[in-house]
């Protein structure tokens, strides 16, 4: 996996974990109450490989975040200039 992809997936994992903890949601209860397999949640948090967009979207929705809010949080988590792609 490219370094930029690693940074992106680690940032996604960080935003998701912070949002769950800020909402004081227990890991096991969060997964159970939202029908999210713990293995899927772990897969996203480990950020070692690409998680499917569907699974990330399901977790984001379960956290009560809009995609707009998730995007803002992700943008803050990413290093400065991360999204400045050269053509």
Protein backbone atom coordinates (compact mmCIF):
# COMPACT_ATOMS: atom_id res chain seq x y z
CA UNK A 1 0.00 0.00 0.00
CA UNK A 2 1.27 3.46 -0.84
CA UNK A 3 2.27 5.77 1.98
CA UNK A 4 -0.53 8.23 1.16
CA UNK A 5 -3.10 5.42 1.39
CA UNK A 6 -1.70 4.39 4.79
CA UNK A 7 -2.03 7.95 6.05
CA UNK A 8 -5.60 8.20 4.76
CA UNK A 9 -6.76 4.93 6.33
CA UNK A 10 -5.05 5.69 9.63
CA UNK A 11 -6.79 9.07 9.67
CA UNK A 12 -10.18 7.46 8.94
CA UNK A 13 -9.58 5.03 11.79
CA UNK A 14 -8.61 7.84 14.13
CA UNK A 15 -11.72 9.90 13.34
CA UNK A 16 -13.98 6.89 13.86
CA UNK A 17 -12.35 5.89 17.15
CA UNK A 18 -12.42 9.46 18.50
CA UNK A 19 -16.09 9.87 17.57
CA UNK A 20 -17.02 6.62 19.32
CA UNK A 21 -15.10 7.59 22.45
CA UNK A 22 -16.49 11.14 22.48
CA UNK A 23 -19.98 9.65 22.41
CA UNK A 24 -18.93 7.35 25.26
CA UNK A 25 -19.91 4.28 23.28
CA UNK A 26 -18.57 0.96 24.51
CA UNK A 27 -16.78 -0.92 21.73
CA UNK A 28 -18.76 -4.15 22.06
CA UNK A 29 -22.13 -2.46 22.59
CA UNK A 30 -21.54 -0.11 19.67
CA UNK A 31 -20.89 -2.99 17.31
CA UNK A 32 -23.75 -5.10 18.63
CA UNK A 33 -26.37 -2.33 18.66
CA UNK A 34 -25.49 -1.24 15.13
CA UNK A 35 -25.15 -4.72 13.61
CA UNK A 36 -21.49 -4.15 12.80
CA UNK A 37 -19.33 -7.24 13.13
CA UNK A 38 -16.48 -6.58 15.54
CA UNK A 39 -14.12 -8.02 12.93
CA UNK A 40 -15.28 -5.35 10.46
CA UNK A 41 -14.80 -2.59 13.03
CA UNK A 42 -11.36 -3.96 13.93
CA UNK A 43 -10.45 -4.12 10.24
CA UNK A 44 -11.22 -0.41 9.85
CA UNK A 45 -9.36 0.58 13.02
CA UNK A 46 -6.26 -1.44 12.15
CA UNK A 47 -5.93 0.55 8.91
CA UNK A 48 -3.56 -2.03 7.50
CA UNK A 49 -5.52 -2.56 4.32
CA UNK A 50 -8.31 -0.83 2.49
CA UNK A 51 -11.68 -1.04 4.20
CA UNK A 52 -14.68 -1.01 1.93
CA UNK A 53 -16.50 2.28 1.55
CA UNK A 54 -19.75 0.52 2.48
CA UNK A 55 -18.35 -0.61 5.84
CA UNK A 56 -16.87 2.80 6.62
CA UNK A 57 -20.18 4.44 5.66
CA UNK A 58 -22.09 2.07 7.93
CA UNK A 59 -19.85 2.92 10.89
CA UNK A 60 -20.06 6.66 10.16
CA UNK A 61 -23.86 6.45 10.09
CA UNK A 62 -23.92 4.42 13.32
CA UNK A 63 -21.87 7.15 14.98
CA UNK A 64 -24.57 9.65 14.04
CA UNK A 65 -22.25 11.62 11.79
CA UNK A 66 -23.25 13.06 8.45
CA UNK A 67 -20.80 12.51 5.63
CA UNK A 68 -20.21 16.24 5.63
CA UNK A 69 -19.23 16.21 9.32
CA UNK A 70 -17.11 13.09 8.83
CA UNK A 71 -15.34 14.83 5.95
CA UNK A 72 -14.61 17.88 8.10
CA UNK A 73 -13.25 15.72 10.91
CA UNK A 74 -11.16 13.72 8.46
CA UNK A 75 -9.78 16.89 6.89
CA UNK A 76 -8.64 18.06 10.34
CA UNK A 77 -7.03 14.68 11.05
CA UNK A 78 -5.04 14.53 7.80
CA UNK A 79 -1.64 16.23 7.58
CA UNK A 80 -1.56 19.74 6.13
CA UNK A 81 -1.49 19.70 2.36
CA UNK A 82 -2.50 16.04 2.11
CA UNK A 83 -5.26 16.78 -0.40
CA UNK A 84 -3.11 19.05 -2.59
CA UNK A 85 -2.60 16.77 -5.54
CA UNK A 86 -0.38 17.85 -8.38
CA UNK A 87 -1.75 17.38 -11.86
